PDB file of N, CA and C in Angstrom:
ATOM      1  N   MET A   1      50.811 -28.024 -35.270  1.00  0.00           N
ATOM      2  CA  MET A   1      49.659 -27.256 -35.682  1.00  0.00           C
ATOM      3  C   MET A   1      48.819 -26.907 -34.451  1.00  0.00           C
ATOM      4  N   ARG A   2      48.040 -25.834 -34.609  1.00  0.00           N
ATOM      5  CA  ARG A   2      47.157 -25.407 -33.521  1.00  0.00           C
ATOM      6  C   ARG A   2      45.718 -25.643 -33.941  1.00  0.00           C
ATOM      7  N   PHE A   3      44.938 -26.131 -32.992  1.00  0.00           N
ATOM      8  CA  PHE A   3      43.525 -26.435 -33.229  1.00  0.00           C
ATOM      9  C   PHE A   3      42.686 -25.812 -32.127  1.00  0.00           C
ATOM     10  N   GLU A   4      41.520 -25.299 -32.528  1.00  0.00           N
ATOM     11  CA  GLU A   4      40.555 -24.854 -31.533  1.00  0.00           C
ATOM     12  C   GLU A   4      39.559 -25.981 -31.340  1.00  0.00           C
ATOM     13  N   ALA A   5      39.344 -26.345 -30.100  1.00  0.00           N
ATOM     14  CA  ALA A   5      38.367 -27.381 -29.776  1.00  0.00           C
ATOM     15  C   ALA A   5      37.208 -26.731 -29.050  1.00  0.00           C
ATOM     16  N   GLN A   6      36.004 -27.093 -29.468  1.00  0.00           N
ATOM     17  CA  GLN A   6      34.809 -26.644 -28.765  1.00  0.00           C
ATOM     18  C   GLN A   6      34.135 -27.879 -28.184  1.00  0.00           C
ATOM     19  N   VAL A   7      33.925 -27.850 -26.887  1.00  0.00           N
ATOM     20  CA  VAL A   7      33.293 -28.950 -26.170  1.00  0.00           C
ATOM     21  C   VAL A   7      31.933 -28.469 -25.675  1.00  0.00           C
ATOM     22  N   GLU A   8      30.893 -29.231 -25.961  1.00  0.00           N
ATOM     23  CA  GLU A   8      29.557 -28.954 -25.452  1.00  0.00           C
ATOM     24  C   GLU A   8      29.204 -30.067 -24.470  1.00  0.00           C
ATOM     25  N   VAL A   9      28.931 -29.682 -23.228  1.00  0.00           N
ATOM     26  CA  VAL A   9      28.609 -30.647 -22.185  1.00  0.00           C
ATOM     27  C   VAL A   9      27.142 -30.462 -21.806  1.00  0.00           C
ATOM     28  N   THR A  10      26.381 -31.557 -21.814  1.00  0.00           N
ATOM     29  CA  THR A  10      24.959 -31.519 -21.469  1.00  0.00           C
ATOM     30  C   THR A  10      24.648 -32.635 -20.478  1.00  0.00           C
ATOM     31  N   HIS A  11      23.527 -32.491 -19.793  1.00  0.00           N
ATOM     32  CA  HIS A  11      23.090 -33.552 -18.888  1.00  0.00           C
ATOM     33  C   HIS A  11      22.593 -34.752 -19.698  1.00  0.00           C
ATOM     34  N   LEU A  12      22.812 -35.929 -19.193  1.00  0.00           N
ATOM     35  CA  LEU A  12      22.255 -37.127 -19.813  1.00  0.00           C
ATOM     36  C   LEU A  12      20.731 -37.115 -19.654  1.00  0.00           C
ATOM     37  N   PRO A  13      20.017 -37.739 -20.581  1.00  0.00           N
ATOM     38  CA  PRO A  13      18.555 -37.828 -20.418  1.00  0.00           C
ATOM     39  C   PRO A  13      18.207 -38.474 -19.083  1.00  0.00           C
ATOM     40  N   GLY A  14      17.210 -37.915 -18.413  1.00  0.00           N
ATOM     41  CA  GLY A  14      16.775 -38.458 -17.135  1.00  0.00           C
ATOM     42  C   GLY A  14      17.472 -37.862 -15.930  1.00  0.00           C
ATOM     43  N   VAL A  15      18.551 -37.118 -16.155  1.00  0.00           N
ATOM     44  CA  VAL A  15      19.260 -36.483 -15.047  1.00  0.00           C
ATOM     45  C   VAL A  15      18.594 -35.140 -14.763  1.00  0.00           C
ATOM     46  N   LEU A  16      18.304 -34.875 -13.499  1.00  0.00           N
ATOM     47  CA  LEU A  16      17.672 -33.616 -13.128  1.00  0.00           C
ATOM     48  C   LEU A  16      18.568 -32.440 -13.482  1.00  0.00           C
ATOM     49  N   ASP A  17      17.928 -31.363 -13.948  1.00  0.00           N
ATOM     50  CA  ASP A  17      18.632 -30.141 -14.309  1.00  0.00           C
ATOM     51  C   ASP A  17      17.971 -28.983 -13.568  1.00  0.00           C
ATOM     52  N   PRO A  18      18.338 -28.742 -12.298  1.00  0.00           N
ATOM     53  CA  PRO A  18      17.665 -27.711 -11.517  1.00  0.00           C
ATOM     54  C   PRO A  18      17.809 -26.314 -12.109  1.00  0.00           C
ATOM     55  N   GLN A  19      18.935 -26.025 -12.723  1.00  0.00           N
ATOM     56  CA  GLN A  19      19.130 -24.714 -13.340  1.00  0.00           C
ATOM     57  C   GLN A  19      18.168 -24.536 -14.518  1.00  0.00           C
ATOM     58  N   GLY A  20      18.057 -25.555 -15.349  1.00  0.00           N
ATOM     59  CA  GLY A  20      17.127 -25.504 -16.472  1.00  0.00           C
ATOM     60  C   GLY A  20      15.690 -25.382 -15.996  1.00  0.00           C
ATOM     61  N   ALA A  21      15.327 -26.093 -14.930  1.00  0.00           N
ATOM     62  CA  ALA A  21      13.967 -26.032 -14.390  1.00  0.00           C
ATOM     63  C   ALA A  21      13.657 -24.638 -13.859  1.00  0.00           C
ATOM     64  N   THR A  22      14.620 -23.991 -13.231  1.00  0.00           N
ATOM     65  CA  THR A  22      14.421 -22.633 -12.718  1.00  0.00           C
ATOM     66  C   THR A  22      14.184 -21.659 -13.869  1.00  0.00           C
ATOM     67  N   VAL A  23      14.970 -21.767 -14.912  1.00  0.00           N
ATOM     68  CA  VAL A  23      14.794 -20.895 -16.079  1.00  0.00           C
ATOM     69  C   VAL A  23      13.441 -21.160 -16.727  1.00  0.00           C
ATOM     70  N   GLU A  24      13.067 -22.432 -16.859  1.00  0.00           N
ATOM     71  CA  GLU A  24      11.784 -22.782 -17.466  1.00  0.00           C
ATOM     72  C   GLU A  24      10.612 -22.196 -16.679  1.00  0.00           C
ATOM     73  N   ARG A  25      10.706 -22.213 -15.357  1.00  0.00           N
ATOM     74  CA  ARG A  25       9.642 -21.633 -14.527  1.00  0.00           C
ATOM     75  C   ARG A  25       9.608 -20.112 -14.619  1.00  0.00           C
ATOM     76  N   ALA A  26      10.746 -19.462 -14.844  1.00  0.00           N
ATOM     77  CA  ALA A  26      10.820 -18.002 -14.881  1.00  0.00           C
ATOM     78  C   ALA A  26      10.407 -17.411 -16.229  1.00  0.00           C
ATOM     79  N   LEU A  27      10.574 -18.131 -17.307  1.00  0.00           N
ATOM     80  CA  LEU A  27      10.296 -17.582 -18.638  1.00  0.00           C
ATOM     81  C   LEU A  27       8.852 -17.113 -18.828  1.00  0.00           C
ATOM     82  N   PRO A  28       7.835 -17.832 -18.350  1.00  0.00           N
ATOM     83  CA  PRO A  28       6.470 -17.335 -18.530  1.00  0.00           C
ATOM     84  C   PRO A  28       6.240 -15.955 -17.906  1.00  0.00           C
ATOM     85  N   ALA A  29       6.915 -15.652 -16.803  1.00  0.00           N
ATOM     86  CA  ALA A  29       6.769 -14.331 -16.177  1.00  0.00           C
ATOM     87  C   ALA A  29       7.308 -13.223 -17.075  1.00  0.00           C
ATOM     88  N   LEU A  30       8.194 -13.591 -18.002  1.00  0.00           N
ATOM     89  CA  LEU A  30       8.743 -12.620 -18.947  1.00  0.00           C
ATOM     90  C   LEU A  30       7.974 -12.616 -20.263  1.00  0.00           C
ATOM     91  N   GLY A  31       6.879 -13.386 -20.312  1.00  0.00           N
ATOM     92  CA  GLY A  31       6.051 -13.410 -21.511  1.00  0.00           C
ATOM     93  C   GLY A  31       6.347 -14.538 -22.480  1.00  0.00           C
ATOM     94  N   TYR A  32       7.266 -15.403 -22.143  1.00  0.00           N
ATOM     95  CA  TYR A  32       7.631 -16.528 -23.019  1.00  0.00           C
ATOM     96  C   TYR A  32       6.894 -17.779 -22.567  1.00  0.00           C
ATOM     97  N   THR A  33       5.635 -17.871 -22.943  1.00  0.00           N
ATOM     98  CA  THR A  33       4.797 -18.980 -22.487  1.00  0.00           C
ATOM     99  C   THR A  33       4.876 -20.201 -23.398  1.00  0.00           C
ATOM    100  N   ASN A  34       5.593 -20.092 -24.499  1.00  0.00           N
ATOM    101  CA  ASN A  34       5.666 -21.180 -25.474  1.00  0.00           C
ATOM    102  C   ASN A  34       6.970 -21.975 -25.372  1.00  0.00           C
ATOM    103  N   VAL A  35       7.693 -21.870 -24.278  1.00  0.00           N
ATOM    104  CA  VAL A  35       8.989 -22.539 -24.127  1.00  0.00           C
ATOM    105  C   VAL A  35       8.858 -23.685 -23.131  1.00  0.00           C
ATOM    106  N   SER A  36       9.468 -24.832 -23.455  1.00  0.00           N
ATOM    107  CA  SER A  36       9.472 -25.972 -22.546  1.00  0.00           C
ATOM    108  C   SER A  36      10.776 -26.748 -22.704  1.00  0.00           C
ATOM    109  N   CYS A  37      10.988 -27.670 -21.820  1.00  0.00           N
ATOM    110  CA  CYS A  37      12.148 -28.580 -21.870  1.00  0.00           C
ATOM    111  C   CYS A  37      13.481 -27.831 -21.870  1.00  0.00           C
ATOM    112  N   VAL A  38      13.627 -26.850 -20.998  1.00  0.00           N
ATOM    113  CA  VAL A  38      14.860 -26.076 -20.914  1.00  0.00           C
ATOM    114  C   VAL A  38      15.943 -26.935 -20.247  1.00  0.00           C
ATOM    115  N   ARG A  39      17.089 -27.036 -20.894  1.00  0.00           N
ATOM    116  CA  ARG A  39      18.237 -27.759 -20.355  1.00  0.00           C
ATOM    117  C   ARG A  39      19.439 -26.831 -20.445  1.00  0.00           C
ATOM    118  N   ILE A  40      20.227 -26.771 -19.414  1.00  0.00           N
ATOM    119  CA  ILE A  40      21.396 -25.904 -19.396  1.00  0.00           C
ATOM    120  C   ILE A  40      22.644 -26.772 -19.282  1.00  0.00           C
ATOM    121  N   GLY A  41      23.605 -26.481 -20.142  1.00  0.00           N
ATOM    122  CA  GLY A  41      24.874 -27.200 -20.140  1.00  0.00           C
ATOM    123  C   GLY A  41      26.011 -26.203 -20.060  1.00  0.00           C
ATOM    124  N   LYS A  42      27.173 -26.616 -20.556  1.00  0.00           N
ATOM    125  CA  LYS A  42      28.305 -25.702 -20.579  1.00  0.00           C
ATOM    126  C   LYS A  42      29.068 -25.867 -21.886  1.00  0.00           C
ATOM    127  N   SER A  43      29.673 -24.772 -22.294  1.00  0.00           N
ATOM    128  CA  SER A  43      30.474 -24.750 -23.513  1.00  0.00           C
ATOM    129  C   SER A  43      31.905 -24.406 -23.116  1.00  0.00           C
ATOM    130  N   ILE A  44      32.849 -25.201 -23.595  1.00  0.00           N
ATOM    131  CA  ILE A  44      34.257 -25.006 -23.264  1.00  0.00           C
ATOM    132  C   ILE A  44      35.026 -24.897 -24.575  1.00  0.00           C
ATOM    133  N   ARG A  45      35.815 -23.861 -24.699  1.00  0.00           N
ATOM    134  CA  ARG A  45      36.677 -23.702 -25.877  1.00  0.00           C
ATOM    135  C   ARG A  45      38.117 -23.656 -25.411  1.00  0.00           C
ATOM    136  N   LEU A  46      38.978 -24.337 -26.168  1.00  0.00           N
ATOM    137  CA  LEU A  46      40.392 -24.335 -25.836  1.00  0.00           C
ATOM    138  C   LEU A  46      41.217 -24.535 -27.089  1.00  0.00           C
ATOM    139  N   VAL A  47      42.467 -24.125 -27.015  1.00  0.00           N
ATOM    140  CA  VAL A  47      43.395 -24.274 -28.138  1.00  0.00           C
ATOM    141  C   VAL A  47      44.404 -25.364 -27.770  1.00  0.00           C
ATOM    142  N   VAL A  48      44.611 -26.275 -28.721  1.00  0.00           N
ATOM    143  CA  VAL A  48      45.496 -27.420 -28.496  1.00  0.00           C
ATOM    144  C   VAL A  48      46.553 -27.461 -29.586  1.00  0.00           C
ATOM    145  N   ASP A  49      47.793 -27.643 -29.206  1.00  0.00           N
ATOM    146  CA  ASP A  49      48.866 -27.901 -30.168  1.00  0.00           C
ATOM    147  C   ASP A  49      48.959 -29.408 -30.342  1.00  0.00           C
ATOM    148  N   ALA A  50      48.826 -29.861 -31.585  1.00  0.00           N
ATOM    149  CA  ALA A  50      48.864 -31.302 -31.871  1.00  0.00           C
ATOM    150  C   ALA A  50      49.332 -31.499 -33.305  1.00  0.00           C
ATOM    151  N   PRO A  51      49.835 -32.700 -33.623  1.00  0.00           N
ATOM    152  CA  PRO A  51      50.319 -32.943 -34.985  1.00  0.00           C
ATOM    153  C   PRO A  51      49.209 -32.932 -36.036  1.00  0.00           C
ATOM    154  N   ASP A  52      47.981 -33.312 -35.646  1.00  0.00           N
ATOM    155  CA  ASP A  52      46.860 -33.316 -36.594  1.00  0.00           C
ATOM    156  C   ASP A  52      45.543 -33.245 -35.829  1.00  0.00           C
ATOM    157  N   ALA A  53      44.446 -33.095 -36.579  1.00  0.00           N
ATOM    158  CA  ALA A  53      43.126 -32.922 -35.965  1.00  0.00           C
ATOM    159  C   ALA A  53      42.717 -34.143 -35.153  1.00  0.00           C
ATOM    160  N   GLU A  54      43.057 -35.326 -35.628  1.00  0.00           N
ATOM    161  CA  GLU A  54      42.682 -36.546 -34.924  1.00  0.00           C
ATOM    162  C   GLU A  54      43.372 -36.623 -33.558  1.00  0.00           C
ATOM    163  N   ALA A  55      44.642 -36.242 -33.509  1.00  0.00           N
ATOM    164  CA  ALA A  55      45.374 -36.253 -32.242  1.00  0.00           C
ATOM    165  C   ALA A  55      44.810 -35.204 -31.288  1.00  0.00           C
ATOM    166  N   ALA A  56      44.457 -34.031 -31.822  1.00  0.00           N
ATOM    167  CA  ALA A  56      43.864 -32.985 -30.988  1.00  0.00           C
ATOM    168  C   ALA A  56      42.528 -33.461 -30.418  1.00  0.00           C
ATOM    169  N   ALA A  57      41.685 -34.054 -31.272  1.00  0.00           N
ATOM    170  CA  ALA A  57      40.383 -34.538 -30.826  1.00  0.00           C
ATOM    171  C   ALA A  57      40.538 -35.629 -29.771  1.00  0.00           C
ATOM    172  N   ALA A  58      41.493 -36.517 -29.958  1.00  0.00           N
ATOM    173  CA  ALA A  58      41.712 -37.586 -28.985  1.00  0.00           C
ATOM    174  C   ALA A  58      42.158 -37.018 -27.637  1.00  0.00           C
ATOM    175  N   GLN A  59      43.019 -36.002 -27.670  1.00  0.00           N
ATOM    176  CA  GLN A  59      43.489 -35.406 -26.428  1.00  0.00           C
ATOM    177  C   GLN A  59      42.335 -34.696 -25.702  1.00  0.00           C
ATOM    178  N   VAL A  60      41.505 -33.962 -26.445  1.00  0.00           N
ATOM    179  CA  VAL A  60      40.382 -33.263 -25.826  1.00  0.00           C
ATOM    180  C   VAL A  60      39.361 -34.274 -25.297  1.00  0.00           C
ATOM    181  N   ASP A  61      39.137 -35.350 -26.017  1.00  0.00           N
ATOM    182  CA  ASP A  61      38.232 -36.402 -25.555  1.00  0.00           C
ATOM    183  C   ASP A  61      38.720 -36.962 -24.211  1.00  0.00           C
ATOM    184  N   GLU A  62      40.011 -37.179 -24.105  1.00  0.00           N
ATOM    185  CA  GLU A  62      40.581 -37.677 -22.840  1.00  0.00           C
ATOM    186  C   GLU A  62      40.392 -36.647 -21.724  1.00  0.00           C
ATOM    187  N   MET A  63      40.589 -35.346 -22.046  1.00  0.00           N
ATOM    188  CA  MET A  63      40.370 -34.287 -21.060  1.00  0.00           C
ATOM    189  C   MET A  63      38.930 -34.313 -20.551  1.00  0.00           C
ATOM    190  N   CYS A  64      38.005 -34.529 -21.466  1.00  0.00           N
ATOM    191  CA  CYS A  64      36.587 -34.571 -21.085  1.00  0.00           C
ATOM    192  C   CYS A  64      36.311 -35.726 -20.141  1.00  0.00           C
ATOM    193  N   HIS A  65      36.847 -36.891 -20.462  1.00  0.00           N
ATOM    194  CA  HIS A  65      36.628 -38.057 -19.608  1.00  0.00           C
ATOM    195  C   HIS A  65      37.276 -37.898 -18.229  1.00  0.00           C
ATOM    196  N   ARG A  66      38.403 -37.188 -18.178  1.00  0.00           N
ATOM    197  CA  ARG A  66      39.142 -37.084 -16.927  1.00  0.00           C
ATOM    198  C   ARG A  66      38.782 -35.873 -16.085  1.00  0.00           C
ATOM    199  N   LEU A  67      38.284 -34.769 -16.723  1.00  0.00           N
ATOM    200  CA  LEU A  67      38.098 -33.547 -15.960  1.00  0.00           C
ATOM    201  C   LEU A  67      36.904 -32.686 -16.393  1.00  0.00           C
ATOM    202  N   LEU A  68      36.738 -32.471 -17.681  1.00  0.00           N
ATOM    203  CA  LEU A  68      35.791 -31.463 -18.156  1.00  0.00           C
ATOM    204  C   LEU A  68      34.327 -31.876 -18.049  1.00  0.00           C
ATOM    205  N   ALA A  69      34.050 -33.161 -18.053  1.00  0.00           N
ATOM    206  CA  ALA A  69      32.671 -33.651 -17.956  1.00  0.00           C
ATOM    207  C   ALA A  69      32.624 -34.788 -16.945  1.00  0.00           C
ATOM    208  N   ASN A  70      31.457 -34.953 -16.360  1.00  0.00           N
ATOM    209  CA  ASN A  70      31.229 -36.066 -15.437  1.00  0.00           C
ATOM    210  C   ASN A  70      30.448 -37.122 -16.216  1.00  0.00           C
ATOM    211  N   PRO A  71      31.109 -38.184 -16.691  1.00  0.00           N
ATOM    212  CA  PRO A  71      30.439 -39.170 -17.553  1.00  0.00           C
ATOM    213  C   PRO A  71      29.281 -39.908 -16.887  1.00  0.00           C
ATOM    214  N   VAL A  72      29.152 -39.808 -15.577  1.00  0.00           N
ATOM    215  CA  VAL A  72      28.044 -40.456 -14.879  1.00  0.00           C
ATOM    216  C   VAL A  72      26.735 -39.717 -15.153  1.00  0.00           C
ATOM    217  N   ILE A  73      26.805 -38.381 -15.248  1.00  0.00           N
ATOM    218  CA  ILE A  73      25.581 -37.593 -15.430  1.00  0.00           C
ATOM    219  C   ILE A  73      25.606 -36.682 -16.653  1.00  0.00           C
ATOM    220  N   GLU A  74      26.739 -36.617 -17.373  1.00  0.00           N
ATOM    221  CA  GLU A  74      26.849 -35.692 -18.495  1.00  0.00           C
ATOM    222  C   GLU A  74      27.326 -36.395 -19.762  1.00  0.00           C
ATOM    223  N   ALA A  75      26.877 -35.857 -20.891  1.00  0.00           N
ATOM    224  CA  ALA A  75      27.368 -36.270 -22.206  1.00  0.00           C
ATOM    225  C   ALA A  75      28.128 -35.084 -22.794  1.00  0.00           C
ATOM    226  N   PHE A  76      29.007 -35.347 -23.752  1.00  0.00           N
ATOM    227  CA  PHE A  76      29.727 -34.240 -24.369  1.00  0.00           C
ATOM    228  C   PHE A  76      29.990 -34.535 -25.840  1.00  0.00           C
ATOM    229  N   THR A  77      30.160 -33.447 -26.597  1.00  0.00           N
ATOM    230  CA  THR A  77      30.589 -33.538 -27.989  1.00  0.00           C
ATOM    231  C   THR A  77      31.817 -32.663 -28.144  1.00  0.00           C
ATOM    232  N   VAL A  78      32.683 -33.069 -29.057  1.00  0.00           N
ATOM    233  CA  VAL A  78      33.921 -32.326 -29.307  1.00  0.00           C
ATOM    234  C   VAL A  78      33.990 -31.986 -30.791  1.00  0.00           C
ATOM    235  N   GLU A  79      34.258 -30.717 -31.085  1.00  0.00           N
ATOM    236  CA  GLU A  79      34.466 -30.287 -32.463  1.00  0.00           C
ATOM    237  C   GLU A  79      35.830 -29.616 -32.532  1.00  0.00           C
ATOM    238  N   VAL A  80      36.663 -30.044 -33.481  1.00  0.00           N
ATOM    239  CA  VAL A  80      38.028 -29.518 -33.601  1.00  0.00           C
ATOM    240  C   VAL A  80      38.186 -28.863 -34.966  1.00  0.00           C
ATOM    241  N   VAL A  81      38.754 -27.640 -34.952  1.00  0.00           N
ATOM    242  CA  VAL A  81      38.971 -26.886 -36.185  1.00  0.00           C
ATOM    243  C   VAL A  81      40.415 -26.383 -36.192  1.00  0.00           C
ATOM    244  N   ALA A  82      41.087 -26.526 -37.322  1.00  0.00           N
ATOM    245  CA  ALA A  82      42.454 -26.042 -37.438  1.00  0.00           C
ATOM    246  C   ALA A  82      42.455 -24.511 -37.435  1.00  0.00           C
ATOM    247  N   LEU A  83      43.405 -23.915 -36.725  1.00  0.00           N
ATOM    248  CA  LEU A  83      43.561 -22.473 -36.702  1.00  0.00           C
ATOM    249  C   LEU A  83      44.534 -22.051 -37.789  1.00  0.00           C
ATOM    250  N   GLN A  84      44.295 -20.904 -38.365  1.00  0.00           N
ATOM    251  CA  GLN A  84      45.195 -20.374 -39.390  1.00  0.00           C
ATOM    252  C   GLN A  84      46.482 -19.895 -38.723  1.00  0.00           C
ATOM    253  N   GLU A  85      47.594 -20.252 -39.289  1.00  0.00           N
ATOM    254  CA  GLU A  85      48.876 -19.800 -38.761  1.00  0.00           C
ATOM    255  C   GLU A  85      49.093 -18.357 -39.198  1.00  0.00           C
ATOM    256  N   ALA A  86      49.629 -17.556 -38.291  1.00  0.00           N
ATOM    257  CA  ALA A  86      49.863 -16.132 -38.586  1.00  0.00           C
ATOM    258  C   ALA A  86      51.148 -15.923 -39.330  1.00  0.00           C
TER     259      ALA A  86
END
């Protein structure tokens, strides 16, 4: 079976986010004075062939620990959805 996995990677609380801070400082100049606590992460989507959703999720979780996220400074969530066969 084929599964689409969506991974959301964010900074851990307390870790500096210079990109988010830059955006937060720039927004008031564009008229958005009511925005605070801007954090920027990354979204990764991939398709995995696996026997079931649990196996796909486990494989993507391993990918995150080994390559897609830095567990020292980042947290991640994984969502797996079965794709319709054509």
